[in-house]
């Protein structure tokens, strides 16, 4: 008997659906997919952003550690599996969109700084 292990199953999320769920237009979601692909393949050729890839994207150094960056990664990683999927990436970045409701931005800011 062997052990069959997979890190993740790639889950495709339709850009039109993500656009409907966020403040982004479909073309913006597609542009975010290009950015996501660059980040997710910077260290490993997979379809997820690891914590190291996230930090590499922020600091240009995967070994740089920041409490704020770690907390932001935790908030982007909605299922707490240690990886950011494309849908999580888009929905999380939507908070920073100029058209995002102020109440969502405030809630995110409180979550970001609520490290206990």
C-alpha atoms as a PDB file:
ATOM      1  CA  UNK A   1       0.000   0.000   0.000  1.00  0.00           C
ATOM      2  CA  UNK A   2       1.207   3.450  -0.821  1.00  0.00           C
ATOM      3  CA  UNK A   3       0.378   6.820   0.514  1.00  0.00           C
ATOM      4  CA  UNK A   4      -1.407   9.053  -1.956  1.00  0.00           C
ATOM      5  CA  UNK A   5      -1.113  12.632  -0.808  1.00  0.00           C
ATOM      6  CA  UNK A   6      -1.985  15.808  -2.605  1.00  0.00           C
ATOM      7  CA  UNK A   7      -1.448  19.295  -1.327  1.00  0.00           C
ATOM      8  CA  UNK A   8      -4.637  20.685  -2.817  1.00  0.00           C
ATOM      9  CA  UNK A   9      -7.156  20.292  -5.548  1.00  0.00           C
ATOM     10  CA  UNK A  10      -7.195  23.311  -7.800  1.00  0.00           C
ATOM     11  CA  UNK A  11     -10.573  24.999  -7.547  1.00  0.00           C
ATOM     12  CA  UNK A  12     -11.488  27.170 -10.516  1.00  0.00           C
ATOM     13  CA  UNK A  13     -13.507  30.251  -9.677  1.00  0.00           C
ATOM     14  CA  UNK A  14     -15.246  32.018 -12.525  1.00  0.00           C
ATOM     15  CA  UNK A  15     -14.104  35.648 -12.918  1.00  0.00           C
ATOM     16  CA  UNK A  16     -17.703  36.739 -13.581  1.00  0.00           C
ATOM     17  CA  UNK A  17     -18.845  35.241 -10.276  1.00  0.00           C
ATOM     18  CA  UNK A  18     -15.909  36.768  -8.393  1.00  0.00           C
ATOM     19  CA  UNK A  19     -16.695  40.140  -9.974  1.00  0.00           C
ATOM     20  CA  UNK A  20     -20.300  39.826  -8.770  1.00  0.00           C
ATOM     21  CA  UNK A  21     -19.102  39.006  -5.226  1.00  0.00           C
ATOM     22  CA  UNK A  22     -16.594  41.867  -5.032  1.00  0.00           C
ATOM     23  CA  UNK A  23     -16.105  45.491  -6.058  1.00  0.00           C
ATOM     24  CA  UNK A  24     -13.991  44.468  -9.059  1.00  0.00           C
ATOM     25  CA  UNK A  25     -15.068  44.376 -12.685  1.00  0.00           C
ATOM     26  CA  UNK A  26     -14.523  41.115 -14.563  1.00  0.00           C
ATOM     27  CA  UNK A  27     -11.524  42.540 -16.472  1.00  0.00           C
ATOM     28  CA  UNK A  28      -9.954  43.542 -13.154  1.00  0.00           C
ATOM     29  CA  UNK A  29     -10.472  40.019 -11.796  1.00  0.00           C
ATOM     30  CA  UNK A  30      -8.705  38.657 -14.868  1.00  0.00           C
ATOM     31  CA  UNK A  31      -5.808  41.083 -14.294  1.00  0.00           C
ATOM     32  CA  UNK A  32      -5.668  39.944 -10.660  1.00  0.00           C
ATOM     33  CA  UNK A  33      -5.466  36.364 -11.930  1.00  0.00           C
ATOM     34  CA  UNK A  34      -2.302  37.248 -13.845  1.00  0.00           C
ATOM     35  CA  UNK A  35      -0.799  38.762 -10.688  1.00  0.00           C
ATOM     36  CA  UNK A  36      -1.930  35.765  -8.639  1.00  0.00           C
ATOM     37  CA  UNK A  37      -0.301  33.380 -11.125  1.00  0.00           C
ATOM     38  CA  UNK A  38       3.010  35.257 -10.905  1.00  0.00           C
ATOM     39  CA  UNK A  39       2.934  35.179  -7.106  1.00  0.00           C
ATOM     40  CA  UNK A  40       1.768  31.573  -6.808  1.00  0.00           C
ATOM     41  CA  UNK A  41       4.506  30.282  -9.115  1.00  0.00           C
ATOM     42  CA  UNK A  42       7.348  32.390  -7.728  1.00  0.00           C
ATOM     43  CA  UNK A  43       8.657  29.547  -5.521  1.00  0.00           C
ATOM     44  CA  UNK A  44       6.484  26.510  -6.297  1.00  0.00           C
ATOM     45  CA  UNK A  45       4.734  25.743  -9.552  1.00  0.00           C
ATOM     46  CA  UNK A  46       1.266  25.416  -8.063  1.00  0.00           C
ATOM     47  CA  UNK A  47      -1.969  27.371  -7.978  1.00  0.00           C
ATOM     48  CA  UNK A  48      -1.733  28.666  -4.425  1.00  0.00           C
ATOM     49  CA  UNK A  49       0.168  31.411  -2.659  1.00  0.00           C
ATOM     50  CA  UNK A  50       2.183  30.107   0.277  1.00  0.00           C
ATOM     51  CA  UNK A  51       3.222  32.313   3.175  1.00  0.00           C
ATOM     52  CA  UNK A  52       6.754  32.489   1.742  1.00  0.00           C
ATOM     53  CA  UNK A  53       5.442  33.564  -1.673  1.00  0.00           C
ATOM     54  CA  UNK A  54       3.205  36.152  -0.009  1.00  0.00           C
ATOM     55  CA  UNK A  55       6.161  37.607   1.896  1.00  0.00           C
ATOM     56  CA  UNK A  56       8.308  37.493  -1.237  1.00  0.00           C
ATOM     57  CA  UNK A  57       5.646  39.520  -3.043  1.00  0.00           C
ATOM     58  CA  UNK A  58       5.515  42.088  -0.235  1.00  0.00           C
ATOM     59  CA  UNK A  59       9.184  42.391   0.687  1.00  0.00           C
ATOM     60  CA  UNK A  60      11.106  40.822  -2.221  1.00  0.00           C
ATOM     61  CA  UNK A  61      12.522  38.524   0.464  1.00  0.00           C
ATOM     62  CA  UNK A  62      10.769  35.326   1.552  1.00  0.00           C
ATOM     63  CA  UNK A  63      12.710  35.260   4.814  1.00  0.00           C
ATOM     64  CA  UNK A  64      11.597  38.724   5.910  1.00  0.00           C
ATOM     65  CA  UNK A  65       9.183  38.393   8.822  1.00  0.00           C
ATOM     66  CA  UNK A  66       6.549  40.895   9.807  1.00  0.00           C
ATOM     67  CA  UNK A  67       3.776  40.465  12.353  1.00  0.00           C
ATOM     68  CA  UNK A  68       1.517  42.584  10.164  1.00  0.00           C
ATOM     69  CA  UNK A  69       2.291  40.546   7.020  1.00  0.00           C
ATOM     70  CA  UNK A  70       1.722  37.285   8.914  1.00  0.00           C
ATOM     71  CA  UNK A  71      -1.626  38.548  10.186  1.00  0.00           C
ATOM     72  CA  UNK A  72      -2.635  39.737   6.723  1.00  0.00           C
ATOM     73  CA  UNK A  73      -1.761  36.298   5.330  1.00  0.00           C
ATOM     74  CA  UNK A  74      -3.978  34.703   7.991  1.00  0.00           C
ATOM     75  CA  UNK A  75      -6.878  36.931   6.985  1.00  0.00           C
ATOM     76  CA  UNK A  76      -6.401  36.193   3.271  1.00  0.00           C
ATOM     77  CA  UNK A  77      -6.218  32.425   4.003  1.00  0.00           C
ATOM     78  CA  UNK A  78      -9.923  31.995   4.747  1.00  0.00           C
ATOM     79  CA  UNK A  79      -9.825  28.238   5.388  1.00  0.00           C
ATOM     80  CA  UNK A  80      -6.598  28.364   7.444  1.00  0.00           C
ATOM     81  CA  UNK A  81      -4.800  25.706   5.419  1.00  0.00           C
ATOM     82  CA  UNK A  82      -1.611  27.732   4.960  1.00  0.00           C
ATOM     83  CA  UNK A  83      -2.327  28.681   1.341  1.00  0.00           C
ATOM     84  CA  UNK A  84      -4.215  31.488  -0.378  1.00  0.00           C
ATOM     85  CA  UNK A  85      -6.462  30.369  -3.219  1.00  0.00           C
ATOM     86  CA  UNK A  86      -7.376  32.673  -6.091  1.00  0.00           C
ATOM     87  CA  UNK A  87     -10.911  33.356  -4.836  1.00  0.00           C
ATOM     88  CA  UNK A  88      -9.592  34.247  -1.383  1.00  0.00           C
ATOM     89  CA  UNK A  89      -7.032  36.542  -2.991  1.00  0.00           C
ATOM     90  CA  UNK A  90      -9.663  38.462  -4.977  1.00  0.00           C
ATOM     91  CA  UNK A  91     -12.196  38.662  -2.142  1.00  0.00           C
ATOM     92  CA  UNK A  92      -9.512  39.850   0.287  1.00  0.00           C
ATOM     93  CA  UNK A  93      -8.136  42.492  -2.068  1.00  0.00           C
ATOM     94  CA  UNK A  94     -11.667  43.764  -2.657  1.00  0.00           C
ATOM     95  CA  UNK A  95     -11.531  45.320   0.828  1.00  0.00           C
ATOM     96  CA  UNK A  96      -8.927  47.769  -0.512  1.00  0.00           C
ATOM     97  CA  UNK A  97     -11.007  48.783  -3.545  1.00  0.00           C
ATOM     98  CA  UNK A  98     -12.098  52.453  -3.472  1.00  0.00           C
ATOM     99  CA  UNK A  99     -15.750  51.386  -3.852  1.00  0.00           C
ATOM    100  CA  UNK A 100     -15.672  48.898  -0.960  1.00  0.00           C
ATOM    101  CA  UNK A 101     -18.006  49.901   1.868  1.00  0.00           C
ATOM    102  CA  UNK A 102     -16.306  51.755   4.686  1.00  0.00           C
ATOM    103  CA  UNK A 103     -17.848  49.338   7.203  1.00  0.00           C
ATOM    104  CA  UNK A 104     -15.987  46.427   5.545  1.00  0.00           C
ATOM    105  CA  UNK A 105     -12.731  48.372   5.591  1.00  0.00           C
ATOM    106  CA  UNK A 106     -13.150  49.192   9.277  1.00  0.00           C
ATOM    107  CA  UNK A 107     -14.013  45.574  10.116  1.00  0.00           C
ATOM    108  CA  UNK A 108     -10.925  44.376   8.216  1.00  0.00           C
ATOM    109  CA  UNK A 109      -8.709  46.895  10.026  1.00  0.00           C
ATOM    110  CA  UNK A 110      -9.969  45.666  13.393  1.00  0.00           C
ATOM    111  CA  UNK A 111      -9.424  42.032  12.362  1.00  0.00           C
ATOM    112  CA  UNK A 112      -5.933  42.885  11.163  1.00  0.00           C
ATOM    113  CA  UNK A 113      -4.910  44.369  14.482  1.00  0.00           C
ATOM    114  CA  UNK A 114      -6.798  41.855  16.634  1.00  0.00           C
ATOM    115  CA  UNK A 115      -3.845  39.516  17.131  1.00  0.00           C
ATOM    116  CA  UNK A 116      -4.994  37.965  20.380  1.00  0.00           C
END
